[in-house]
């Protein structure tokens, strides 16, 4: 169901994987004690146990994956999921902004959790940042925290995301952000409501349920995937740490470049967002990791 969907995806407007990997490495290794390593450390548990372990009990490891998308974009997945959205100790900007400045290329991060929750963090090469969306996730303790994304103030809080506000992106990407304006979606939602009242046992009602009960941000996430990663190479790679241990060959076959890091001495893993087990949707069941 829609309230169990989640995904975290970062994109860089450059498909030069070597340059992107070098910049990511340089940014992370500036933090005390952080260094890139060449091999995964061994784990002392079964793979399925790893899949279900909370962040605080997982191996002390940072992982970054880079994969070429469409239109010159690189799709980035990280463990922890939003590693690049937070700041290094004593830094004045999130790691993603520092990366955009160093590369000289725009970047963005799109978060989907639960039903309508979505956050869009945009960072341009000039150092600008713009954040839109709603940060009311499990673990939020106050009203003020719903207007903040890690250490950054949300510029357009309590609003449904409908566009890129800082970055100049192709029309196809702006259209993906407005997927809810698609008259077909409105038609199916109206049809679902009609059947729910007039014929609640209709098979079509159940067929329409998955579409109708997708969350607002989930619709956008799938639409962006079609524009940037139509082959579904890594957009739906949701648990990177598990995948690098369980399916390394599959990642390599998809052209995914992996970077492993020993975290800095200040790293204190804790589960910011509690993520439930994720059932596959019809959009990604063949390609999801």
C-alpha atoms as a PDB file:
ATOM      1  CA  UNK A   1       0.000   0.000   0.000  1.00  0.00           C
ATOM      2  CA  UNK A   2       0.990   3.627  -0.533  1.00  0.00           C
ATOM      3  CA  UNK A   3       1.936   4.299   3.085  1.00  0.00           C
ATOM      4  CA  UNK A   4       4.787   1.805   2.849  1.00  0.00           C
ATOM      5  CA  UNK A   5       6.560   3.281  -0.158  1.00  0.00           C
ATOM      6  CA  UNK A   6       9.903   4.997   0.366  1.00  0.00           C
ATOM      7  CA  UNK A   7      12.861   5.983  -1.763  1.00  0.00           C
ATOM      8  CA  UNK A   8      15.890   8.293  -1.528  1.00  0.00           C
ATOM      9  CA  UNK A   9      17.656   9.394  -4.706  1.00  0.00           C
ATOM     10  CA  UNK A  10      20.392  11.937  -5.425  1.00  0.00           C
ATOM     11  CA  UNK A  11      21.302  13.139  -8.915  1.00  0.00           C
ATOM     12  CA  UNK A  12      24.306  15.022 -10.319  1.00  0.00           C
ATOM     13  CA  UNK A  13      24.053  16.884 -13.628  1.00  0.00           C
ATOM     14  CA  UNK A  14      27.174  15.198 -15.008  1.00  0.00           C
ATOM     15  CA  UNK A  15      27.649  11.668 -16.281  1.00  0.00           C
ATOM     16  CA  UNK A  16      31.425  11.688 -15.793  1.00  0.00           C
ATOM     17  CA  UNK A  17      31.561   8.890 -13.224  1.00  0.00           C
ATOM     18  CA  UNK A  18      35.306   9.205 -12.669  1.00  0.00           C
ATOM     19  CA  UNK A  19      35.099  12.925 -11.890  1.00  0.00           C
ATOM     20  CA  UNK A  20      32.025  12.423  -9.722  1.00  0.00           C
ATOM     21  CA  UNK A  21      33.709   9.614  -7.774  1.00  0.00           C
ATOM     22  CA  UNK A  22      36.819  11.728  -7.259  1.00  0.00           C
ATOM     23  CA  UNK A  23      34.769  14.667  -5.980  1.00  0.00           C
ATOM     24  CA  UNK A  24      32.700  12.523  -3.614  1.00  0.00           C
ATOM     25  CA  UNK A  25      35.886  10.960  -2.261  1.00  0.00           C
ATOM     26  CA  UNK A  26      37.509  14.355  -1.736  1.00  0.00           C
ATOM     27  CA  UNK A  27      34.447  15.764   0.045  1.00  0.00           C
ATOM     28  CA  UNK A  28      34.076  12.811   2.431  1.00  0.00           C
ATOM     29  CA  UNK A  29      37.780  12.359   3.147  1.00  0.00           C
ATOM     30  CA  UNK A  30      37.982  15.918   4.432  1.00  0.00           C
ATOM     31  CA  UNK A  31      36.228  14.643   7.554  1.00  0.00           C
ATOM     32  CA  UNK A  32      38.509  13.450  10.329  1.00  0.00           C
ATOM     33  CA  UNK A  33      39.114   9.721  10.187  1.00  0.00           C
ATOM     34  CA  UNK A  34      37.150   9.165   6.982  1.00  0.00           C
ATOM     35  CA  UNK A  35      39.030   7.269   4.308  1.00  0.00           C
ATOM     36  CA  UNK A  36      38.141   5.333   1.217  1.00  0.00           C
ATOM     37  CA  UNK A  37      38.624   1.560   1.433  1.00  0.00           C
ATOM     38  CA  UNK A  38      38.847  -0.946  -1.402  1.00  0.00           C
ATOM     39  CA  UNK A  39      36.994  -3.931   0.060  1.00  0.00           C
ATOM     40  CA  UNK A  40      33.845  -4.516   2.035  1.00  0.00           C
ATOM     41  CA  UNK A  41      34.446  -5.531   5.639  1.00  0.00           C
ATOM     42  CA  UNK A  42      33.204  -8.987   6.551  1.00  0.00           C
ATOM     43  CA  UNK A  43      29.876  -9.260   8.336  1.00  0.00           C
ATOM     44  CA  UNK A  44      29.072 -11.603  11.193  1.00  0.00           C
ATOM     45  CA  UNK A  45      25.435 -12.245  10.369  1.00  0.00           C
ATOM     46  CA  UNK A  46      23.275 -13.798   7.676  1.00  0.00           C
ATOM     47  CA  UNK A  47      22.311 -11.563   4.759  1.00  0.00           C
ATOM     48  CA  UNK A  48      18.638 -11.561   5.663  1.00  0.00           C
ATOM     49  CA  UNK A  49      19.572 -10.475   9.175  1.00  0.00           C
ATOM     50  CA  UNK A  50      21.545  -7.593   7.679  1.00  0.00           C
ATOM     51  CA  UNK A  51      18.499  -6.586   5.656  1.00  0.00           C
ATOM     52  CA  UNK A  52      16.459  -6.152   8.844  1.00  0.00           C
ATOM     53  CA  UNK A  53      19.079  -4.608  11.125  1.00  0.00           C
ATOM     54  CA  UNK A  54      18.587  -0.968  12.224  1.00  0.00           C
ATOM     55  CA  UNK A  55      21.265   1.531  11.225  1.00  0.00           C
ATOM     56  CA  UNK A  56      22.893   1.484  14.651  1.00  0.00           C
ATOM     57  CA  UNK A  57      23.530  -2.278  14.412  1.00  0.00           C
ATOM     58  CA  UNK A  58      24.749  -2.389  10.806  1.00  0.00           C
ATOM     59  CA  UNK A  59      28.445  -2.440   9.812  1.00  0.00           C
ATOM     60  CA  UNK A  60      30.222   0.853  10.442  1.00  0.00           C
ATOM     61  CA  UNK A  61      30.510   1.751   6.785  1.00  0.00           C
ATOM     62  CA  UNK A  62      29.557   4.423   4.265  1.00  0.00           C
ATOM     63  CA  UNK A  63      28.716   3.348   0.714  1.00  0.00           C
ATOM     64  CA  UNK A  64      28.151   5.505  -2.386  1.00  0.00           C
ATOM     65  CA  UNK A  65      26.964   4.152  -5.740  1.00  0.00           C
ATOM     66  CA  UNK A  66      27.166   6.033  -9.030  1.00  0.00           C
ATOM     67  CA  UNK A  67      25.237   5.067 -12.154  1.00  0.00           C
ATOM     68  CA  UNK A  68      24.734   6.876 -15.456  1.00  0.00           C
ATOM     69  CA  UNK A  69      21.188   7.990 -16.129  1.00  0.00           C
ATOM     70  CA  UNK A  70      19.524   9.705 -19.077  1.00  0.00           C
ATOM     71  CA  UNK A  71      20.243  13.247 -20.251  1.00  0.00           C
ATOM     72  CA  UNK A  72      23.694  13.538 -18.722  1.00  0.00           C
ATOM     73  CA  UNK A  73      22.615  12.813 -15.145  1.00  0.00           C
ATOM     74  CA  UNK A  74      24.367  10.506 -12.689  1.00  0.00           C
ATOM     75  CA  UNK A  75      22.087   8.701 -10.228  1.00  0.00           C
ATOM     76  CA  UNK A  76      23.569   8.434  -6.745  1.00  0.00           C
ATOM     77  CA  UNK A  77      22.505   6.139  -3.937  1.00  0.00           C
ATOM     78  CA  UNK A  78      24.153   6.185  -0.539  1.00  0.00           C
ATOM     79  CA  UNK A  79      24.263   4.371   2.746  1.00  0.00           C
ATOM     80  CA  UNK A  80      23.186   6.000   5.011  1.00  0.00           C
ATOM     81  CA  UNK A  81      20.312   6.934   2.698  1.00  0.00           C
ATOM     82  CA  UNK A  82      20.725  10.710   3.047  1.00  0.00           C
ATOM     83  CA  UNK A  83      24.450  10.897   3.722  1.00  0.00           C
ATOM     84  CA  UNK A  84      24.901  13.824   1.324  1.00  0.00           C
ATOM     85  CA  UNK A  85      21.959  15.807   2.710  1.00  0.00           C
ATOM     86  CA  UNK A  86      23.495  16.348   6.137  1.00  0.00           C
ATOM     87  CA  UNK A  87      26.471  18.510   7.072  1.00  0.00           C
ATOM     88  CA  UNK A  88      29.912  17.368   8.107  1.00  0.00           C
ATOM     89  CA  UNK A  89      30.947  18.436  11.592  1.00  0.00           C
ATOM     90  CA  UNK A  90      31.342  22.253  11.761  1.00  0.00           C
ATOM     91  CA  UNK A  91      30.429  22.634   8.069  1.00  0.00           C
ATOM     92  CA  UNK A  92      28.276  25.535   6.894  1.00  0.00           C
ATOM     93  CA  UNK A  93      26.398  23.660   4.178  1.00  0.00           C
ATOM     94  CA  UNK A  94      25.210  20.110   3.421  1.00  0.00           C
ATOM     95  CA  UNK A  95      27.645  17.751   1.733  1.00  0.00           C
ATOM     96  CA  UNK A  96      25.506  17.810  -1.421  1.00  0.00           C
ATOM     97  CA  UNK A  97      25.986  21.565  -1.775  1.00  0.00           C
ATOM     98  CA  UNK A  98      29.733  21.251  -1.214  1.00  0.00           C
ATOM     99  CA  UNK A  99      29.779  18.562  -3.903  1.00  0.00           C
ATOM    100  CA  UNK A 100      27.880  20.761  -6.383  1.00  0.00           C
ATOM    101  CA  UNK A 101      30.322  23.612  -5.844  1.00  0.00           C
ATOM    102  CA  UNK A 102      33.373  21.388  -6.205  1.00  0.00           C
ATOM    103  CA  UNK A 103      32.103  19.696  -9.368  1.00  0.00           C
ATOM    104  CA  UNK A 104      30.650  22.867 -10.860  1.00  0.00           C
ATOM    105  CA  UNK A 105      27.426  20.964 -11.594  1.00  0.00           C
ATOM    106  CA  UNK A 106      23.897  21.133 -10.230  1.00  0.00           C
ATOM    107  CA  UNK A 107      22.672  18.413  -7.878  1.00  0.00           C
ATOM    108  CA  UNK A 108      19.391  17.469  -6.222  1.00  0.00           C
ATOM    109  CA  UNK A 109      18.015  14.940  -3.766  1.00  0.00           C
ATOM    110  CA  UNK A 110      14.435  13.634  -3.730  1.00  0.00           C
ATOM    111  CA  UNK A 111      13.053  11.878  -0.675  1.00  0.00           C
ATOM    112  CA  UNK A 112       9.777   9.937  -0.555  1.00  0.00           C
ATOM    113  CA  UNK A 113       8.473   8.478   2.690  1.00  0.00           C
ATOM    114  CA  UNK A 114       5.087   7.183   3.771  1.00  0.00           C
ATOM    115  CA  UNK A 115       2.097   8.589   1.895  1.00  0.00           C
ATOM    116  CA  UNK A 116       2.450  12.248   0.820  1.00  0.00           C
ATOM    117  CA  UNK A 117       5.739  13.107   2.445  1.00  0.00           C
ATOM    118  CA  UNK A 118       8.331  14.405   0.026  1.00  0.00           C
ATOM    119  CA  UNK A 119      11.422  16.574   0.206  1.00  0.00           C
ATOM    120  CA  UNK A 120      13.260  18.110  -2.750  1.00  0.00           C
ATOM    121  CA  UNK A 121      16.711  19.511  -1.953  1.00  0.00           C
ATOM    122  CA  UNK A 122      18.247  21.468  -4.826  1.00  0.00           C
ATOM    123  CA  UNK A 123      21.872  22.632  -4.812  1.00  0.00           C
ATOM    124  CA  UNK A 124      23.464  24.553  -7.657  1.00  0.00           C
ATOM    125  CA  UNK A 125      27.087  25.046  -8.647  1.00  0.00           C
ATOM    126  CA  UNK A 126      27.050  28.619  -7.328  1.00  0.00           C
ATOM    127  CA  UNK A 127      26.323  27.495  -3.767  1.00  0.00           C
ATOM    128  CA  UNK A 128      22.585  28.133  -3.774  1.00  0.00           C
ATOM    129  CA  UNK A 129      20.237  25.779  -1.933  1.00  0.00           C
ATOM    130  CA  UNK A 130      16.460  25.487  -2.085  1.00  0.00           C
ATOM    131  CA  UNK A 131      14.372  22.957  -0.168  1.00  0.00           C
ATOM    132  CA  UNK A 132      10.679  22.321  -0.667  1.00  0.00           C
ATOM    133  CA  UNK A 133       8.303  19.811   0.819  1.00  0.00           C
ATOM    134  CA  UNK A 134       7.286  18.459   4.158  1.00  0.00           C
ATOM    135  CA  UNK A 135       9.573  16.890   6.763  1.00  0.00           C
ATOM    136  CA  UNK A 136       6.993  15.372   9.122  1.00  0.00           C
ATOM    137  CA  UNK A 137       8.553  11.938   9.498  1.00  0.00           C
ATOM    138  CA  UNK A 138       8.565   9.487  12.376  1.00  0.00           C
ATOM    139  CA  UNK A 139      10.903  10.835  15.006  1.00  0.00           C
ATOM    140  CA  UNK A 140       9.981  14.500  14.601  1.00  0.00           C
ATOM    141  CA  UNK A 141       9.452  15.993  18.043  1.00  0.00           C
ATOM    142  CA  UNK A 142       8.289  19.533  17.413  1.00  0.00           C
ATOM    143  CA  UNK A 143       6.492  21.781  14.965  1.00  0.00           C
ATOM    144  CA  UNK A 144       9.755  23.559  14.132  1.00  0.00           C
ATOM    145  CA  UNK A 145      11.357  20.297  12.988  1.00  0.00           C
ATOM    146  CA  UNK A 146       8.734  19.889  10.274  1.00  0.00           C
ATOM    147  CA  UNK A 147      10.153  23.081   8.762  1.00  0.00           C
ATOM    148  CA  UNK A 148      13.729  21.811   8.816  1.00  0.00           C
ATOM    149  CA  UNK A 149      15.576  19.176   6.792  1.00  0.00           C
ATOM    150  CA  UNK A 150      18.589  18.074   8.822  1.00  0.00           C
ATOM    151  CA  UNK A 151      20.418  21.370   9.488  1.00  0.00           C
ATOM    152  CA  UNK A 152      18.733  23.301   6.678  1.00  0.00           C
ATOM    153  CA  UNK A 153      15.612  25.421   6.829  1.00  0.00           C
ATOM    154  CA  UNK A 154      12.916  24.342   4.379  1.00  0.00           C
ATOM    155  CA  UNK A 155      12.210  27.256   2.028  1.00  0.00           C
ATOM    156  CA  UNK A 156       8.724  26.124   1.027  1.00  0.00           C
ATOM    157  CA  UNK A 157       7.379  24.065   3.960  1.00  0.00           C
ATOM    158  CA  UNK A 158       3.900  22.541   4.214  1.00  0.00           C
ATOM    159  CA  UNK A 159       3.517  22.658   0.441  1.00  0.00           C
ATOM    160  CA  UNK A 160       3.121  19.835  -2.014  1.00  0.00           C
ATOM    161  CA  UNK A 161       6.169  19.770  -4.273  1.00  0.00           C
ATOM    162  CA  UNK A 162       5.242  20.758  -7.808  1.00  0.00           C
ATOM    163  CA  UNK A 163       8.413  22.041  -9.468  1.00  0.00           C
ATOM    164  CA  UNK A 164      12.160  22.576  -9.360  1.00  0.00           C
ATOM    165  CA  UNK A 165      12.501  26.060  -7.887  1.00  0.00           C
ATOM    166  CA  UNK A 166      16.263  26.660  -8.101  1.00  0.00           C
ATOM    167  CA  UNK A 167      17.634  24.477 -10.876  1.00  0.00           C
ATOM    168  CA  UNK A 168      16.889  25.004 -14.547  1.00  0.00           C
ATOM    169  CA  UNK A 169      15.935  21.497 -15.645  1.00  0.00           C
ATOM    170  CA  UNK A 170      14.483  20.094 -18.886  1.00  0.00           C
ATOM    171  CA  UNK A 171      10.744  20.426 -19.425  1.00  0.00           C
ATOM    172  CA  UNK A 172      10.378  16.661 -19.098  1.00  0.00           C
ATOM    173  CA  UNK A 173      11.613  16.859 -15.494  1.00  0.00           C
ATOM    174  CA  UNK A 174       9.330  19.767 -14.626  1.00  0.00           C
ATOM    175  CA  UNK A 175       6.458  17.808 -16.169  1.00  0.00           C
ATOM    176  CA  UNK A 176       7.329  14.851 -13.914  1.00  0.00           C
ATOM    177  CA  UNK A 177       6.935  17.140 -10.900  1.00  0.00           C
ATOM    178  CA  UNK A 178       3.431  18.010 -12.162  1.00  0.00           C
ATOM    179  CA  UNK A 179       2.364  14.438 -12.790  1.00  0.00           C
ATOM    180  CA  UNK A 180      -0.754  14.968 -10.648  1.00  0.00           C
ATOM    181  CA  UNK A 181      -2.080  17.344 -13.285  1.00  0.00           C
ATOM    182  CA  UNK A 182      -2.361  14.388 -15.669  1.00  0.00           C
ATOM    183  CA  UNK A 183      -6.097  14.091 -16.504  1.00  0.00           C
ATOM    184  CA  UNK A 184      -5.730  10.301 -16.690  1.00  0.00           C
ATOM    185  CA  UNK A 185      -4.913  10.140 -12.975  1.00  0.00           C
ATOM    186  CA  UNK A 186      -7.956  12.297 -12.157  1.00  0.00           C
ATOM    187  CA  UNK A 187     -10.121  10.029 -14.334  1.00  0.00           C
ATOM    188  CA  UNK A 188      -8.972   6.852 -12.589  1.00  0.00           C
ATOM    189  CA  UNK A 189      -9.447   8.429  -9.157  1.00  0.00           C
ATOM    190  CA  UNK A 190     -13.026   9.419 -10.078  1.00  0.00           C
ATOM    191  CA  UNK A 191     -13.683   5.957 -11.485  1.00  0.00           C
ATOM    192  CA  UNK A 192     -12.395   4.369  -8.305  1.00  0.00           C
ATOM    193  CA  UNK A 193     -14.714   6.505  -6.162  1.00  0.00           C
ATOM    194  CA  UNK A 194     -17.674   5.646  -8.404  1.00  0.00           C
ATOM    195  CA  UNK A 195     -17.030   1.914  -8.204  1.00  0.00           C
ATOM    196  CA  UNK A 196     -16.407   2.064  -4.469  1.00  0.00           C
ATOM    197  CA  UNK A 197     -19.963   3.355  -4.016  1.00  0.00           C
ATOM    198  CA  UNK A 198     -21.812   1.565  -6.816  1.00  0.00           C
ATOM    199  CA  UNK A 199     -20.000  -1.776  -7.074  1.00  0.00           C
ATOM    200  CA  UNK A 200     -17.609  -2.385  -4.152  1.00  0.00           C
ATOM    201  CA  UNK A 201     -16.967  -5.980  -5.244  1.00  0.00           C
ATOM    202  CA  UNK A 202     -15.833  -5.048  -8.722  1.00  0.00           C
ATOM    203  CA  UNK A 203     -12.518  -6.573  -9.847  1.00  0.00           C
ATOM    204  CA  UNK A 204     -11.700  -3.281 -11.553  1.00  0.00           C
ATOM    205  CA  UNK A 205     -11.922  -1.569  -8.175  1.00  0.00           C
ATOM    206  CA  UNK A 206      -9.039  -3.652  -6.898  1.00  0.00           C
ATOM    207  CA  UNK A 207      -7.096  -3.105 -10.111  1.00  0.00           C
ATOM    208  CA  UNK A 208      -7.402   0.663  -9.636  1.00  0.00           C
ATOM    209  CA  UNK A 209      -6.462   0.571  -5.964  1.00  0.00           C
ATOM    210  CA  UNK A 210      -2.678   0.572  -6.463  1.00  0.00           C
ATOM    211  CA  UNK A 211      -2.856   3.612  -8.720  1.00  0.00           C
ATOM    212  CA  UNK A 212      -5.296   5.586  -6.595  1.00  0.00           C
ATOM    213  CA  UNK A 213      -3.525   4.913  -3.315  1.00  0.00           C
ATOM    214  CA  UNK A 214      -0.086   5.875  -4.463  1.00  0.00           C
ATOM    215  CA  UNK A 215       1.089   8.819  -2.411  1.00  0.00           C
ATOM    216  CA  UNK A 216       1.617  12.253  -3.939  1.00  0.00           C
ATOM    217  CA  UNK A 217       5.412  12.061  -3.765  1.00  0.00           C
ATOM    218  CA  UNK A 218       5.405   8.442  -4.930  1.00  0.00           C
ATOM    219  CA  UNK A 219       3.741   9.477  -8.202  1.00  0.00           C
ATOM    220  CA  UNK A 220       6.476  12.090  -8.704  1.00  0.00           C
ATOM    221  CA  UNK A 221       9.195   9.595  -7.859  1.00  0.00           C
ATOM    222  CA  UNK A 222       8.005   7.152 -10.513  1.00  0.00           C
ATOM    223  CA  UNK A 223       7.637   9.960 -13.065  1.00  0.00           C
ATOM    224  CA  UNK A 224      11.184  11.209 -12.422  1.00  0.00           C
ATOM    225  CA  UNK A 225      12.493   7.664 -12.765  1.00  0.00           C
ATOM    226  CA  UNK A 226      10.964   7.406 -16.233  1.00  0.00           C
ATOM    227  CA  UNK A 227      12.762  10.607 -17.273  1.00  0.00           C
ATOM    228  CA  UNK A 228      16.178   9.972 -15.686  1.00  0.00           C
ATOM    229  CA  UNK A 229      16.446   6.187 -15.336  1.00  0.00           C
ATOM    230  CA  UNK A 230      13.972   4.570 -17.708  1.00  0.00           C
ATOM    231  CA  UNK A 231      15.930   1.296 -17.668  1.00  0.00           C
ATOM    232  CA  UNK A 232      15.557   1.217 -13.856  1.00  0.00           C
ATOM    233  CA  UNK A 233      19.278   0.577 -13.445  1.00  0.00           C
ATOM    234  CA  UNK A 234      19.468   1.935  -9.914  1.00  0.00           C
ATOM    235  CA  UNK A 235      16.645   4.393  -9.203  1.00  0.00           C
ATOM    236  CA  UNK A 236      14.876   1.731  -7.149  1.00  0.00           C
ATOM    237  CA  UNK A 237      18.010   0.565  -5.347  1.00  0.00           C
ATOM    238  CA  UNK A 238      16.582   1.240  -1.898  1.00  0.00           C
ATOM    239  CA  UNK A 239      18.895  -0.609   0.490  1.00  0.00           C
ATOM    240  CA  UNK A 240      22.397  -0.028  -0.848  1.00  0.00           C
ATOM    241  CA  UNK A 241      24.246  -1.619   2.057  1.00  0.00           C
ATOM    242  CA  UNK A 242      22.310  -4.861   1.737  1.00  0.00           C
ATOM    243  CA  UNK A 243      22.703  -4.906  -2.053  1.00  0.00           C
ATOM    244  CA  UNK A 244      26.494  -4.510  -2.063  1.00  0.00           C
ATOM    245  CA  UNK A 245      26.770  -7.622   0.094  1.00  0.00           C
ATOM    246  CA  UNK A 246      23.955  -9.660  -1.467  1.00  0.00           C
ATOM    247  CA  UNK A 247      24.154  -8.785  -5.185  1.00  0.00           C
ATOM    248  CA  UNK A 248      27.546  -7.291  -6.089  1.00  0.00           C
ATOM    249  CA  UNK A 249      27.637  -8.936  -9.518  1.00  0.00           C
ATOM    250  CA  UNK A 250      24.203  -7.619 -10.431  1.00  0.00           C
ATOM    251  CA  UNK A 251      25.303  -4.113  -9.513  1.00  0.00           C
ATOM    252  CA  UNK A 252      28.442  -4.476 -11.616  1.00  0.00           C
ATOM    253  CA  UNK A 253      26.427  -5.776 -14.575  1.00  0.00           C
ATOM    254  CA  UNK A 254      24.259  -2.646 -14.414  1.00  0.00           C
ATOM    255  CA  UNK A 255      27.310  -0.384 -14.613  1.00  0.00           C
ATOM    256  CA  UNK A 256      27.122   0.777 -11.010  1.00  0.00           C
ATOM    257  CA  UNK A 257      30.377   2.158  -9.597  1.00  0.00           C
ATOM    258  CA  UNK A 258      30.727   1.568  -5.855  1.00  0.00           C
ATOM    259  CA  UNK A 259      32.734   3.576  -3.333  1.00  0.00           C
ATOM    260  CA  UNK A 260      33.350   2.345   0.215  1.00  0.00           C
ATOM    261  CA  UNK A 261      34.403   4.546   3.118  1.00  0.00           C
ATOM    262  CA  UNK A 262      35.421   4.128   6.699  1.00  0.00           C
ATOM    263  CA  UNK A 263      33.257   6.820   8.361  1.00  0.00           C
ATOM    264  CA  UNK A 264      34.788   9.703  10.316  1.00  0.00           C
ATOM    265  CA  UNK A 265      35.340   9.315  14.032  1.00  0.00           C
ATOM    266  CA  UNK A 266      32.353  11.581  14.722  1.00  0.00           C
ATOM    267  CA  UNK A 267      29.892   9.296  12.883  1.00  0.00           C
ATOM    268  CA  UNK A 268      27.125   8.151  15.198  1.00  0.00           C
ATOM    269  CA  UNK A 269      24.615   6.015  13.269  1.00  0.00           C
ATOM    270  CA  UNK A 270      21.038   6.251  14.389  1.00  0.00           C
ATOM    271  CA  UNK A 271      17.784   5.521  12.554  1.00  0.00           C
ATOM    272  CA  UNK A 272      16.457   8.922  11.494  1.00  0.00           C
ATOM    273  CA  UNK A 273      13.563   7.397   9.582  1.00  0.00           C
ATOM    274  CA  UNK A 274      12.053   4.038  10.442  1.00  0.00           C
ATOM    275  CA  UNK A 275      11.539   2.228   7.145  1.00  0.00           C
ATOM    276  CA  UNK A 276       9.086  -0.675   6.963  1.00  0.00           C
ATOM    277  CA  UNK A 277       9.583  -3.728   4.722  1.00  0.00           C
ATOM    278  CA  UNK A 278       8.881  -2.619   1.172  1.00  0.00           C
ATOM    279  CA  UNK A 279       6.596  -4.623  -1.134  1.00  0.00           C
ATOM    280  CA  UNK A 280       7.408  -4.273  -4.822  1.00  0.00           C
ATOM    281  CA  UNK A 281       5.084  -2.173  -6.940  1.00  0.00           C
ATOM    282  CA  UNK A 282       4.050  -2.931 -10.486  1.00  0.00           C
ATOM    283  CA  UNK A 283       6.344  -0.122 -11.678  1.00  0.00           C
ATOM    284  CA  UNK A 284       9.573  -1.632 -10.403  1.00  0.00           C
ATOM    285  CA  UNK A 285       8.998  -5.259  -9.498  1.00  0.00           C
ATOM    286  CA  UNK A 286      11.188  -6.537 -12.353  1.00  0.00           C
ATOM    287  CA  UNK A 287      14.145  -4.259 -11.721  1.00  0.00           C
ATOM    288  CA  UNK A 288      14.117  -3.351  -8.055  1.00  0.00           C
ATOM    289  CA  UNK A 289      16.977  -4.651  -5.920  1.00  0.00           C
END
